[in-house]
N, C-alpha and C. Protein backbone atom coordinates (compact mmCIF):
# COMPACT_ATOMS: atom_id res chain seq x y z
N MET A 1 172.77 103.43 113.67
CA MET A 1 173.78 103.46 112.63
C MET A 1 173.24 104.31 111.47
N SER A 2 174.01 105.28 111.04
CA SER A 2 173.59 106.13 109.92
C SER A 2 173.92 105.43 108.60
N PRO A 3 173.11 105.70 107.58
CA PRO A 3 173.36 105.04 106.29
C PRO A 3 174.62 105.59 105.62
N LEU A 4 175.20 104.77 104.78
CA LEU A 4 176.31 105.21 103.96
C LEU A 4 175.77 106.20 102.93
N VAL A 5 176.64 107.06 102.40
CA VAL A 5 176.22 108.07 101.45
C VAL A 5 176.99 107.91 100.14
N VAL A 6 176.24 107.92 99.04
CA VAL A 6 176.83 107.98 97.70
C VAL A 6 176.47 109.36 97.18
N ARG A 7 177.49 110.18 96.93
CA ARG A 7 177.27 111.57 96.54
C ARG A 7 177.84 111.82 95.15
N VAL A 8 177.04 112.44 94.28
CA VAL A 8 177.45 112.78 92.93
C VAL A 8 177.60 114.30 92.86
N ASN A 9 178.79 114.76 92.46
CA ASN A 9 179.08 116.20 92.39
C ASN A 9 179.75 116.54 91.06
N LEU A 10 179.51 117.74 90.60
CA LEU A 10 180.21 118.26 89.43
C LEU A 10 181.59 118.72 89.87
N ASN A 11 182.64 118.27 89.18
CA ASN A 11 183.99 118.70 89.57
C ASN A 11 184.37 119.97 88.81
N PRO A 12 185.45 120.65 89.21
CA PRO A 12 185.84 121.91 88.57
C PRO A 12 186.15 121.81 87.08
N ARG A 13 186.45 120.62 86.60
CA ARG A 13 186.79 120.43 85.18
C ARG A 13 185.58 120.09 84.32
N GLY A 14 184.39 120.08 84.90
CA GLY A 14 183.18 119.83 84.14
C GLY A 14 182.74 118.39 84.10
N GLY A 15 183.50 117.50 84.71
CA GLY A 15 183.10 116.10 84.80
C GLY A 15 182.34 115.86 86.09
N TRP A 16 181.92 114.65 86.30
CA TRP A 16 181.15 114.29 87.50
C TRP A 16 181.94 113.30 88.34
N GLU A 17 181.87 113.47 89.65
CA GLU A 17 182.56 112.58 90.58
C GLU A 17 181.55 111.93 91.51
N ILE A 18 181.84 110.67 91.81
CA ILE A 18 181.01 109.91 92.75
C ILE A 18 181.87 109.63 93.96
N ALA A 19 181.42 110.11 95.11
CA ALA A 19 182.13 109.91 96.36
C ALA A 19 181.32 108.98 97.24
N LEU A 20 181.98 107.95 97.75
CA LEU A 20 181.35 107.00 98.65
C LEU A 20 181.85 107.30 100.06
N SER A 21 180.94 107.41 101.02
CA SER A 21 181.33 107.81 102.37
C SER A 21 182.24 106.79 103.06
N ASP A 22 182.26 105.55 102.57
CA ASP A 22 183.10 104.53 103.19
C ASP A 22 184.41 104.29 102.43
N GLN A 23 184.71 105.15 101.44
CA GLN A 23 185.95 104.99 100.67
C GLN A 23 186.56 106.36 100.39
N ARG A 24 187.87 106.39 100.24
CA ARG A 24 188.56 107.65 99.94
C ARG A 24 188.55 107.99 98.46
N ASP A 25 188.73 106.98 97.63
CA ASP A 25 188.81 107.20 96.18
C ASP A 25 187.46 107.64 95.63
N ARG A 26 187.52 108.44 94.58
CA ARG A 26 186.31 108.90 93.91
C ARG A 26 186.28 108.33 92.51
N LEU A 27 185.09 108.02 92.05
CA LEU A 27 184.90 107.55 90.69
C LEU A 27 184.59 108.75 89.81
N ARG A 28 185.12 108.78 88.60
CA ARG A 28 184.90 109.91 87.71
C ARG A 28 184.12 109.46 86.48
N CYS A 29 183.19 110.32 86.07
CA CYS A 29 182.35 110.04 84.89
C CYS A 29 182.30 111.29 84.02
N GLU A 30 182.09 111.09 82.74
CA GLU A 30 182.03 112.20 81.79
C GLU A 30 180.69 112.93 81.83
N THR A 31 179.60 112.16 82.00
CA THR A 31 178.27 112.76 81.93
C THR A 31 177.50 112.50 83.22
N LEU A 32 176.48 113.32 83.43
CA LEU A 32 175.62 113.13 84.59
C LEU A 32 174.85 111.81 84.50
N ASP A 33 174.40 111.44 83.32
CA ASP A 33 173.67 110.17 83.16
C ASP A 33 174.54 108.99 83.55
N GLU A 34 175.78 109.00 83.10
CA GLU A 34 176.71 107.93 83.45
C GLU A 34 176.95 107.91 84.96
N ALA A 35 177.15 109.09 85.55
CA ALA A 35 177.39 109.18 86.99
C ALA A 35 176.20 108.66 87.79
N ARG A 36 175.00 108.96 87.34
CA ARG A 36 173.80 108.46 88.04
C ARG A 36 173.71 106.95 87.97
N ARG A 37 173.99 106.37 86.79
CA ARG A 37 173.95 104.91 86.66
C ARG A 37 174.95 104.25 87.59
N VAL A 38 176.16 104.77 87.62
CA VAL A 38 177.20 104.20 88.48
C VAL A 38 176.83 104.39 89.96
N ALA A 39 176.31 105.55 90.31
CA ALA A 39 175.92 105.82 91.69
C ALA A 39 174.81 104.87 92.15
N TYR A 40 173.82 104.60 91.29
CA TYR A 40 172.76 103.66 91.65
C TYR A 40 173.31 102.25 91.85
N ARG A 41 174.27 101.86 91.01
CA ARG A 41 174.89 100.54 91.20
C ARG A 41 175.62 100.47 92.53
N CYS A 42 176.37 101.52 92.86
CA CYS A 42 177.09 101.56 94.13
C CYS A 42 176.12 101.54 95.31
N ALA A 43 175.06 102.32 95.22
CA ALA A 43 174.07 102.40 96.29
C ALA A 43 173.33 101.07 96.45
N GLY A 44 173.11 100.37 95.35
CA GLY A 44 172.41 99.09 95.40
C GLY A 44 173.18 98.01 96.14
N GLN A 45 174.48 98.18 96.28
CA GLN A 45 175.32 97.20 96.97
C GLN A 45 175.50 97.53 98.45
N ARG A 46 174.95 98.65 98.91
CA ARG A 46 175.11 99.08 100.30
C ARG A 46 173.73 99.43 100.85
N HIS A 47 173.33 98.76 101.92
CA HIS A 47 172.01 99.01 102.49
C HIS A 47 172.13 99.28 103.97
N PRO A 48 171.46 100.25 104.52
CA PRO A 48 170.79 101.33 103.81
C PRO A 48 171.82 102.30 103.24
N CYS A 49 171.40 103.04 102.23
CA CYS A 49 172.32 103.97 101.57
C CYS A 49 171.54 105.21 101.13
N GLU A 50 172.18 106.35 101.29
CA GLU A 50 171.60 107.62 100.88
C GLU A 50 172.28 108.06 99.60
N LEU A 51 171.49 108.35 98.57
CA LEU A 51 172.01 108.80 97.28
C LEU A 51 171.71 110.29 97.15
N VAL A 52 172.75 111.10 96.92
CA VAL A 52 172.60 112.55 96.81
C VAL A 52 173.29 113.02 95.54
N VAL A 53 172.56 113.75 94.69
CA VAL A 53 173.12 114.31 93.45
C VAL A 53 173.05 115.83 93.58
N CYS A 54 174.21 116.49 93.42
CA CYS A 54 174.29 117.95 93.57
C CYS A 54 174.78 118.59 92.27
N ASP A 55 174.39 119.84 92.07
CA ASP A 55 174.86 120.59 90.91
C ASP A 55 176.16 121.32 91.23
N ALA A 56 176.62 122.15 90.32
CA ALA A 56 177.89 122.86 90.49
C ALA A 56 177.88 123.82 91.68
N TYR A 57 176.70 124.24 92.11
CA TYR A 57 176.57 125.16 93.24
C TYR A 57 176.23 124.43 94.53
N HIS A 58 176.39 123.11 94.53
CA HIS A 58 176.14 122.24 95.68
C HIS A 58 174.68 122.22 96.11
N ARG A 59 173.78 122.57 95.18
CA ARG A 59 172.35 122.44 95.46
C ARG A 59 171.95 121.00 95.18
N VAL A 60 171.10 120.46 96.02
CA VAL A 60 170.66 119.08 95.86
C VAL A 60 169.65 118.98 94.72
N LEU A 61 170.00 118.18 93.71
CA LEU A 61 169.10 117.93 92.59
C LEU A 61 168.23 116.71 92.82
N HIS A 62 168.79 115.73 93.55
CA HIS A 62 168.07 114.49 93.81
C HIS A 62 168.58 113.92 95.13
N HIS A 63 167.65 113.45 95.95
CA HIS A 63 168.00 112.83 97.23
C HIS A 63 167.09 111.63 97.40
N GLU A 64 167.70 110.49 97.74
CA GLU A 64 166.91 109.25 97.87
C GLU A 64 167.56 108.34 98.89
N LEU A 65 166.73 107.73 99.73
CA LEU A 65 167.20 106.72 100.67
C LEU A 65 166.89 105.36 100.06
N ILE A 66 167.92 104.56 99.86
CA ILE A 66 167.77 103.24 99.27
C ILE A 66 167.95 102.22 100.40
N ASP A 67 166.88 101.49 100.69
CA ASP A 67 166.90 100.55 101.80
C ASP A 67 166.16 99.28 101.40
N GLY A 68 166.92 98.36 100.86
CA GLY A 68 166.29 97.10 100.50
C GLY A 68 166.32 96.80 99.10
């Protein structure tokens, strides 16, 4: 079984979106710090979970496997 993914991306309007691989809806945040806090909370409720933070060019800024 592959882990669920919590992905943080910059949206075209300059805000940040959090996408959960097991849900269609995306969470929106104003700042990257806020998006990271929310993403860690979401990842903490799903085990195992992969947390991926990307910049506007889809380059990975942070990647972490949260298991436990």
